[in-house]
Every structure is written in C-alpha cells, then in structure tokens.
Amino acid sequence: MLDFWSRFVHRDMIRRKTSRFHPLVETYEVLSSASVEDLWRKVVDLADVSWHPLLTKTNVPYGLIPKPGLIYQAVGRLFPISMHIFVERVQPGELLSVRILAIPGLEERVTYRIESTLCGTQVSYSVTLKGWLSPLVWSVIRPYAARVAQDLAHAVEQERVLPPGHRSKFIRPASPDLLGFVLMLSFGHLLASNALA
C-alpha cells in the first residue's frame, strides 16, 4: 500500500512540475500601407536589424537569403549576450520562422507572417517561449515584442517616403543597458544557485 502511495505522489509531483511551465504564446498584428514585397525584403534582410526592438546586430553578410537550416548569431538589445538563431521554415513572401537559443532554460520560437488583405498588408509577429526561465524573460521582453510588427511596418513605410539618396537606417531610442546588466547578473545568480542545488 505504501509503495502504491509513493508511486502516486511521485507521479503527481512530476505532473505538477511539467504543468508549471506551459509555453507562453503571443501574436501581434499590424496593418501596413507598404507592399508585401517591401515588407518581405525587410524581414529577410537579416544583416539589417536597426529597426528591431530586441536585436542590435547579427553576423549575417549583406545579401544572404535565409533558408531552412541556416544558423547565425545575433546580439540582443536588452541582454548584451550573443544568441544562436536557427532558421526553421521559409515560405518566400509569406512566412519566416526561427528558433532562438540564448541561455539554458529558455527556448524561443519567432514567426513573421506577411499577407495581403483588402485593408492593406497584414504583418504578424508570433512568439513562443518555453523553459523554466520563460515567465521571467517574458515579463521583461513583452513590451518590446509587442512593438516588433509595428516597428517593422514603420521602418518600411519610412523608407518609401524618403528619396533614395536620403534613406537612413531606422533610428530608435537607446536600449536600457543598465537593466540588461542587472538582469544578466540575476540570471547568472539563478543559474549558479540551480547548479549548486
């Protein structure tokens, strides 16, 4: 009887542990006056992330077309750490899906989708976070993730109104590096305490 009870309790504890960390999924959409072609060109230009609220630079050479299986590196704006990005799916002119591996305990999948509608071009940005660190990271990056689709559309629309000789990179406010530094320290503390436990 005691053996049955210990198996039941153990199974219940496993169920609770796995159910605690449900993936966090969010999709943000915006309508743009820019064409599908112009927006798609900006999405697949992995070398230029000057418009992106979460990325500051990549190691992708200009002109490289993303294809499934491509792995490249990027540096975040909020957390000044290098992350590996794996291109999972590409449907030219429609969809780009990547997986981002930044720190242990966190996996992020991002999907850009562009489609033409009667009201304009719809840009959607979907984020899926998995791992035990996902609630903490999501609480920090959520306001910035909510701006990705809007900033993408704004950058492309801004390029359309400027003359070709006067186009400049999309300017955005400086990111809070101090916050990123503090969060990196707290992540390091969390990882160290878990390693010792």
C-alpha atoms as a PDB file:
ATOM      1  CA  MET A   1       0.000   0.000   0.000  1.00  0.00           C
ATOM      2  CA  LEU A   2       2.826   2.386   0.890  1.00  0.00           C
ATOM      3  CA  ASP A   3       4.562   1.583  -2.403  1.00  0.00           C
ATOM      4  CA  PHE A   4       1.384   2.488  -4.339  1.00  0.00           C
ATOM      5  CA  TRP A   5       1.095   5.769  -2.398  1.00  0.00           C
ATOM      6  CA  SER A   6       4.732   6.750  -3.105  1.00  0.00           C
ATOM      7  CA  ARG A   7       4.256   5.994  -6.841  1.00  0.00           C
ATOM      8  CA  PHE A   8       1.054   8.086  -6.854  1.00  0.00           C
ATOM      9  CA  VAL A   9       2.715  11.028  -5.067  1.00  0.00           C
ATOM     10  CA  HIS A  10       5.778  10.824  -7.329  1.00  0.00           C
ATOM     11  CA  ARG A  11       3.585  10.770 -10.473  1.00  0.00           C
ATOM     12  CA  ASP A  12       1.549  13.710  -9.148  1.00  0.00           C
ATOM     13  CA  MET A  13       4.722  15.713  -8.449  1.00  0.00           C
ATOM     14  CA  ILE A  14       6.005  15.059 -11.981  1.00  0.00           C
ATOM     15  CA  ARG A  15       2.662  16.179 -13.416  1.00  0.00           C
ATOM     16  CA  ARG A  16       2.799  19.397 -11.374  1.00  0.00           C
ATOM     17  CA  LYS A  17       6.376  20.102 -12.408  1.00  0.00           C
ATOM     18  CA  THR A  18       5.654  19.681 -16.106  1.00  0.00           C
ATOM     19  CA  SER A  19       2.405  21.646 -15.984  1.00  0.00           C
ATOM     20  CA  ARG A  20       4.073  24.621 -14.286  1.00  0.00           C
ATOM     21  CA  PHE A  21       5.971  25.639 -17.396  1.00  0.00           C
ATOM     22  CA  HIS A  22       3.414  25.857 -20.161  1.00  0.00           C
ATOM     23  CA  PRO A  23       4.732  27.545 -23.321  1.00  0.00           C
ATOM     24  CA  LEU A  24       3.954  31.257 -23.486  1.00  0.00           C
ATOM     25  CA  VAL A  25       2.439  32.113 -26.863  1.00  0.00           C
ATOM     26  CA  GLU A  26       1.565  35.595 -28.135  1.00  0.00           C
ATOM     27  CA  THR A  27       0.849  37.050 -31.585  1.00  0.00           C
ATOM     28  CA  TYR A  28       0.954  40.727 -32.519  1.00  0.00           C
ATOM     29  CA  GLU A  29      -0.520  42.062 -35.764  1.00  0.00           C
ATOM     30  CA  VAL A  30      -0.452  45.393 -37.573  1.00  0.00           C
ATOM     31  CA  LEU A  31      -1.755  46.673 -40.901  1.00  0.00           C
ATOM     32  CA  SER A  32       0.697  48.467 -43.166  1.00  0.00           C
ATOM     33  CA  SER A  33       0.395  50.538 -46.322  1.00  0.00           C
ATOM     34  CA  ALA A  34       3.670  49.024 -47.585  1.00  0.00           C
ATOM     35  CA  SER A  35       3.615  46.238 -50.148  1.00  0.00           C
ATOM     36  CA  VAL A  36       4.147  42.567 -49.338  1.00  0.00           C
ATOM     37  CA  GLU A  37       7.371  42.632 -51.381  1.00  0.00           C
ATOM     38  CA  ASP A  38       8.863  45.585 -49.489  1.00  0.00           C
ATOM     39  CA  LEU A  39       7.966  44.141 -46.082  1.00  0.00           C
ATOM     40  CA  TRP A  40       9.286  40.716 -47.014  1.00  0.00           C
ATOM     41  CA  ARG A  41      12.549  42.247 -48.240  1.00  0.00           C
ATOM     42  CA  LYS A  42      12.996  43.906 -44.848  1.00  0.00           C
ATOM     43  CA  VAL A  43      12.169  40.719 -42.897  1.00  0.00           C
ATOM     44  CA  VAL A  44      14.676  38.570 -44.788  1.00  0.00           C
ATOM     45  CA  ASP A  45      17.428  41.196 -44.622  1.00  0.00           C
ATOM     46  CA  LEU A  46      18.951  39.518 -41.569  1.00  0.00           C
ATOM     47  CA  ALA A  47      22.015  41.782 -41.706  1.00  0.00           C
ATOM     48  CA  ASP A  48      19.945  44.921 -41.012  1.00  0.00           C
ATOM     49  CA  VAL A  49      18.142  44.775 -37.666  1.00  0.00           C
ATOM     50  CA  SER A  50      18.430  48.516 -36.974  1.00  0.00           C
ATOM     51  CA  TRP A  51      14.611  48.681 -36.778  1.00  0.00           C
ATOM     52  CA  HIS A  52      14.269  45.694 -34.410  1.00  0.00           C
ATOM     53  CA  PRO A  53      13.433  46.493 -30.758  1.00  0.00           C
ATOM     54  CA  LEU A  54      15.038  43.264 -29.477  1.00  0.00           C
ATOM     55  CA  LEU A  55      18.120  42.778 -31.688  1.00  0.00           C
ATOM     56  CA  THR A  56      21.080  45.101 -32.195  1.00  0.00           C
ATOM     57  CA  LYS A  57      23.258  43.246 -34.748  1.00  0.00           C
ATOM     58  CA  THR A  58      23.856  39.921 -36.491  1.00  0.00           C
ATOM     59  CA  ASN A  59      26.829  38.201 -38.114  1.00  0.00           C
ATOM     60  CA  VAL A  60      24.948  37.668 -41.400  1.00  0.00           C
ATOM     61  CA  PRO A  61      26.602  39.178 -44.512  1.00  0.00           C
ATOM     62  CA  TYR A  62      24.508  41.565 -46.593  1.00  0.00           C
ATOM     63  CA  GLY A  63      22.591  39.853 -49.361  1.00  0.00           C
ATOM     64  CA  LEU A  64      22.352  36.406 -47.741  1.00  0.00           C
ATOM     65  CA  ILE A  65      18.908  34.860 -48.323  1.00  0.00           C
ATOM     66  CA  PRO A  66      17.635  32.898 -45.294  1.00  0.00           C
ATOM     67  CA  LYS A  67      16.977  29.217 -45.956  1.00  0.00           C
ATOM     68  CA  PRO A  68      15.914  26.413 -43.605  1.00  0.00           C
ATOM     69  CA  GLY A  69      18.923  25.114 -41.698  1.00  0.00           C
ATOM     70  CA  LEU A  70      20.807  28.422 -41.632  1.00  0.00           C
ATOM     71  CA  ILE A  71      22.331  29.160 -38.218  1.00  0.00           C
ATOM     72  CA  TYR A  72      23.572  32.638 -37.398  1.00  0.00           C
ATOM     73  CA  GLN A  73      24.343  34.755 -34.348  1.00  0.00           C
ATOM     74  CA  ALA A  74      22.720  37.921 -33.050  1.00  0.00           C
ATOM     75  CA  VAL A  75      23.208  40.232 -30.091  1.00  0.00           C
ATOM     76  CA  GLY A  76      20.215  41.394 -28.066  1.00  0.00           C
ATOM     77  CA  ARG A  77      19.389  44.988 -27.148  1.00  0.00           C
ATOM     78  CA  LEU A  78      18.079  44.251 -23.658  1.00  0.00           C
ATOM     79  CA  PHE A  79      20.556  41.491 -22.807  1.00  0.00           C
ATOM     80  CA  PRO A  80      24.010  42.152 -24.338  1.00  0.00           C
ATOM     81  CA  ILE A  81      24.627  38.453 -24.954  1.00  0.00           C
ATOM     82  CA  SER A  82      25.197  36.506 -28.143  1.00  0.00           C
ATOM     83  CA  MET A  83      22.419  34.135 -29.190  1.00  0.00           C
ATOM     84  CA  HIS A  84      22.204  31.443 -31.831  1.00  0.00           C
ATOM     85  CA  ILE A  85      19.310  31.695 -34.287  1.00  0.00           C
ATOM     86  CA  PHE A  86      18.235  28.703 -36.362  1.00  0.00           C
ATOM     87  CA  VAL A  87      16.039  29.240 -39.438  1.00  0.00           C
ATOM     88  CA  GLU A  88      13.296  26.597 -39.367  1.00  0.00           C
ATOM     89  CA  ARG A  89      10.826  27.487 -42.119  1.00  0.00           C
ATOM     90  CA  VAL A  90      10.788  29.885 -45.052  1.00  0.00           C
ATOM     91  CA  GLN A  91       7.842  30.430 -47.381  1.00  0.00           C
ATOM     92  CA  PRO A  92       9.054  33.210 -49.698  1.00  0.00           C
ATOM     93  CA  GLY A  93       6.892  36.322 -49.482  1.00  0.00           C
ATOM     94  CA  GLU A  94       4.786  34.834 -46.688  1.00  0.00           C
ATOM     95  CA  LEU A  95       6.486  33.317 -43.642  1.00  0.00           C
ATOM     96  CA  LEU A  96       9.811  33.167 -41.803  1.00  0.00           C
ATOM     97  CA  SER A  97      10.123  31.049 -38.669  1.00  0.00           C
ATOM     98  CA  VAL A  98      13.263  30.937 -36.499  1.00  0.00           C
ATOM     99  CA  ARG A  99      14.272  29.341 -33.215  1.00  0.00           C
ATOM    100  CA  ILE A 100      16.394  31.397 -30.810  1.00  0.00           C
ATOM    101  CA  LEU A 101      18.712  29.769 -28.272  1.00  0.00           C
ATOM    102  CA  ALA A 102      20.152  32.344 -25.898  1.00  0.00           C
ATOM    103  CA  ILE A 103      20.574  30.884 -22.412  1.00  0.00           C
ATOM    104  CA  PRO A 104      19.965  27.493 -20.766  1.00  0.00           C
ATOM    105  CA  GLY A 105      16.409  27.159 -19.507  1.00  0.00           C
ATOM    106  CA  LEU A 106      14.916  29.190 -22.335  1.00  0.00           C
ATOM    107  CA  GLU A 107      13.885  28.434 -25.905  1.00  0.00           C
ATOM    108  CA  GLU A 108      12.172  30.978 -28.128  1.00  0.00           C
ATOM    109  CA  ARG A 109      10.435  30.476 -31.450  1.00  0.00           C
ATOM    110  CA  VAL A 110       9.552  33.514 -33.558  1.00  0.00           C
ATOM    111  CA  THR A 111       7.393  33.600 -36.695  1.00  0.00           C
ATOM    112  CA  TYR A 112       6.940  36.521 -39.067  1.00  0.00           C
ATOM    113  CA  ARG A 113       3.942  36.281 -41.382  1.00  0.00           C
ATOM    114  CA  ILE A 114       3.063  38.753 -44.139  1.00  0.00           C
ATOM    115  CA  GLU A 115      -0.163  38.607 -46.124  1.00  0.00           C
ATOM    116  CA  SER A 116      -2.131  40.931 -48.358  1.00  0.00           C
ATOM    117  CA  THR A 117      -5.647  41.887 -47.249  1.00  0.00           C
ATOM    118  CA  LEU A 118      -8.354  44.214 -48.538  1.00  0.00           C
ATOM    119  CA  CYS A 119      -7.364  46.803 -45.900  1.00  0.00           C
ATOM    120  CA  GLY A 120      -3.613  46.675 -46.547  1.00  0.00           C
ATOM    121  CA  THR A 121      -0.736  44.335 -45.799  1.00  0.00           C
ATOM    122  CA  GLN A 122      -1.005  42.464 -42.515  1.00  0.00           C
ATOM    123  CA  VAL A 123       2.213  41.839 -40.620  1.00  0.00           C
ATOM    124  CA  SER A 124       2.103  39.395 -37.723  1.00  0.00           C
ATOM    125  CA  TYR A 125       4.814  38.538 -35.224  1.00  0.00           C
ATOM    126  CA  SER A 126       4.298  35.406 -33.112  1.00  0.00           C
ATOM    127  CA  VAL A 127       6.418  34.486 -30.101  1.00  0.00           C
ATOM    128  CA  THR A 128       6.536  31.149 -28.284  1.00  0.00           C
ATOM    129  CA  LEU A 129       8.672  30.858 -25.148  1.00  0.00           C
ATOM    130  CA  LYS A 130       9.466  27.544 -23.454  1.00  0.00           C
ATOM    131  CA  GLY A 131      11.529  26.658 -20.402  1.00  0.00           C
ATOM    132  CA  TRP A 132      11.633  27.415 -16.720  1.00  0.00           C
ATOM    133  CA  LEU A 133      13.043  30.917 -17.321  1.00  0.00           C
ATOM    134  CA  SER A 134      10.277  31.864 -19.768  1.00  0.00           C
ATOM    135  CA  PRO A 135       7.953  33.655 -17.270  1.00  0.00           C
ATOM    136  CA  LEU A 136      10.774  35.900 -16.036  1.00  0.00           C
ATOM    137  CA  VAL A 137      12.142  36.661 -19.512  1.00  0.00           C
ATOM    138  CA  TRP A 138       8.652  37.261 -20.895  1.00  0.00           C
ATOM    139  CA  SER A 139       7.897  39.814 -18.189  1.00  0.00           C
ATOM    140  CA  VAL A 140      10.907  41.814 -19.433  1.00  0.00           C
ATOM    141  CA  ILE A 141      10.687  41.435 -23.223  1.00  0.00           C
ATOM    142  CA  ARG A 142       6.905  41.587 -23.627  1.00  0.00           C
ATOM    143  CA  PRO A 143       6.617  45.374 -24.217  1.00  0.00           C
ATOM    144  CA  TYR A 144       9.407  45.158 -26.825  1.00  0.00           C
ATOM    145  CA  ALA A 145       7.985  42.065 -28.535  1.00  0.00           C
ATOM    146  CA  ALA A 146       4.663  43.906 -28.828  1.00  0.00           C
ATOM    147  CA  ARG A 147       6.416  46.551 -30.972  1.00  0.00           C
ATOM    148  CA  VAL A 148       8.214  44.291 -33.473  1.00  0.00           C
ATOM    149  CA  ALA A 149       5.471  44.146 -36.122  1.00  0.00           C
ATOM    150  CA  GLN A 150       4.724  47.854 -35.735  1.00  0.00           C
ATOM    151  CA  ASP A 151       8.402  48.870 -35.937  1.00  0.00           C
ATOM    152  CA  LEU A 152       8.913  46.666 -38.994  1.00  0.00           C
ATOM    153  CA  ALA A 153       5.978  48.274 -40.803  1.00  0.00           C
ATOM    154  CA  HIS A 154       7.083  51.760 -39.743  1.00  0.00           C
ATOM    155  CA  ALA A 155      10.655  51.206 -40.979  1.00  0.00           C
ATOM    156  CA  VAL A 156       9.465  50.066 -44.413  1.00  0.00           C
ATOM    157  CA  GLU A 157       6.921  52.897 -44.712  1.00  0.00           C
ATOM    158  CA  GLN A 158       9.606  55.414 -43.703  1.00  0.00           C
ATOM    159  CA  GLU A 159      11.922  54.136 -46.440  1.00  0.00           C
ATOM    160  CA  ARG A 160       9.161  54.538 -49.015  1.00  0.00           C
ATOM    161  CA  VAL A 161       8.602  58.248 -48.320  1.00  0.00           C
ATOM    162  CA  LEU A 162      12.287  59.227 -48.223  1.00  0.00           C
ATOM    163  CA  PRO A 163      14.147  59.872 -51.509  1.00  0.00           C
ATOM    164  CA  PRO A 164      16.533  57.003 -52.421  1.00  0.00           C
ATOM    165  CA  GLY A 165      19.639  59.152 -51.784  1.00  0.00           C
ATOM    166  CA  HIS A 166      18.449  60.213 -48.319  1.00  0.00           C
ATOM    167  CA  ARG A 167      17.404  56.893 -46.857  1.00  0.00           C
ATOM    168  CA  SER A 168      18.954  56.315 -43.494  1.00  0.00           C
ATOM    169  CA  LYS A 169      18.782  53.463 -41.071  1.00  0.00           C
ATOM    170  CA  PHE A 170      15.764  53.337 -38.815  1.00  0.00           C
ATOM    171  CA  ILE A 171      16.668  55.287 -35.655  1.00  0.00           C
ATOM    172  CA  ARG A 172      15.383  54.042 -32.337  1.00  0.00           C
ATOM    173  CA  PRO A 173      15.921  55.163 -28.768  1.00  0.00           C
ATOM    174  CA  ALA A 174      18.801  53.701 -26.836  1.00  0.00           C
ATOM    175  CA  SER A 175      18.005  50.483 -25.022  1.00  0.00           C
ATOM    176  CA  PRO A 176      18.270  50.268 -21.237  1.00  0.00           C
ATOM    177  CA  ASP A 177      21.714  48.651 -20.975  1.00  0.00           C
ATOM    178  CA  LEU A 178      21.716  49.042 -17.195  1.00  0.00           C
ATOM    179  CA  LEU A 179      18.556  46.957 -16.982  1.00  0.00           C
ATOM    180  CA  GLY A 180      20.157  44.342 -19.220  1.00  0.00           C
ATOM    181  CA  PHE A 181      23.233  44.239 -16.999  1.00  0.00           C
ATOM    182  CA  VAL A 182      21.151  43.812 -13.830  1.00  0.00           C
ATOM    183  CA  LEU A 183      19.081  41.062 -15.441  1.00  0.00           C
ATOM    184  CA  MET A 184      22.228  39.269 -16.605  1.00  0.00           C
ATOM    185  CA  LEU A 185      23.546  39.306 -13.050  1.00  0.00           C
ATOM    186  CA  SER A 186      20.269  37.919 -11.688  1.00  0.00           C
ATOM    187  CA  PHE A 187      20.195  35.213 -14.401  1.00  0.00           C
ATOM    188  CA  GLY A 188      23.756  34.269 -13.528  1.00  0.00           C
ATOM    189  CA  HIS A 189      22.787  34.047  -9.869  1.00  0.00           C
ATOM    190  CA  LEU A 190      19.767  31.867 -10.710  1.00  0.00           C
ATOM    191  CA  LEU A 191      21.840  29.536 -12.886  1.00  0.00           C
ATOM    192  CA  ALA A 192      24.577  29.267 -10.259  1.00  0.00           C
ATOM    193  CA  SER A 193      22.108  28.508  -7.454  1.00  0.00           C
ATOM    194  CA  ASN A 194      20.394  25.839  -9.569  1.00  0.00           C
ATOM    195  CA  ALA A 195      23.741  24.259 -10.426  1.00  0.00           C
ATOM    196  CA  LEU A 196      24.662  24.045  -6.740  1.00  0.00           C
ATOM    197  CA  ALA A 197      21.253  22.630  -5.718  1.00  0.00           C
END
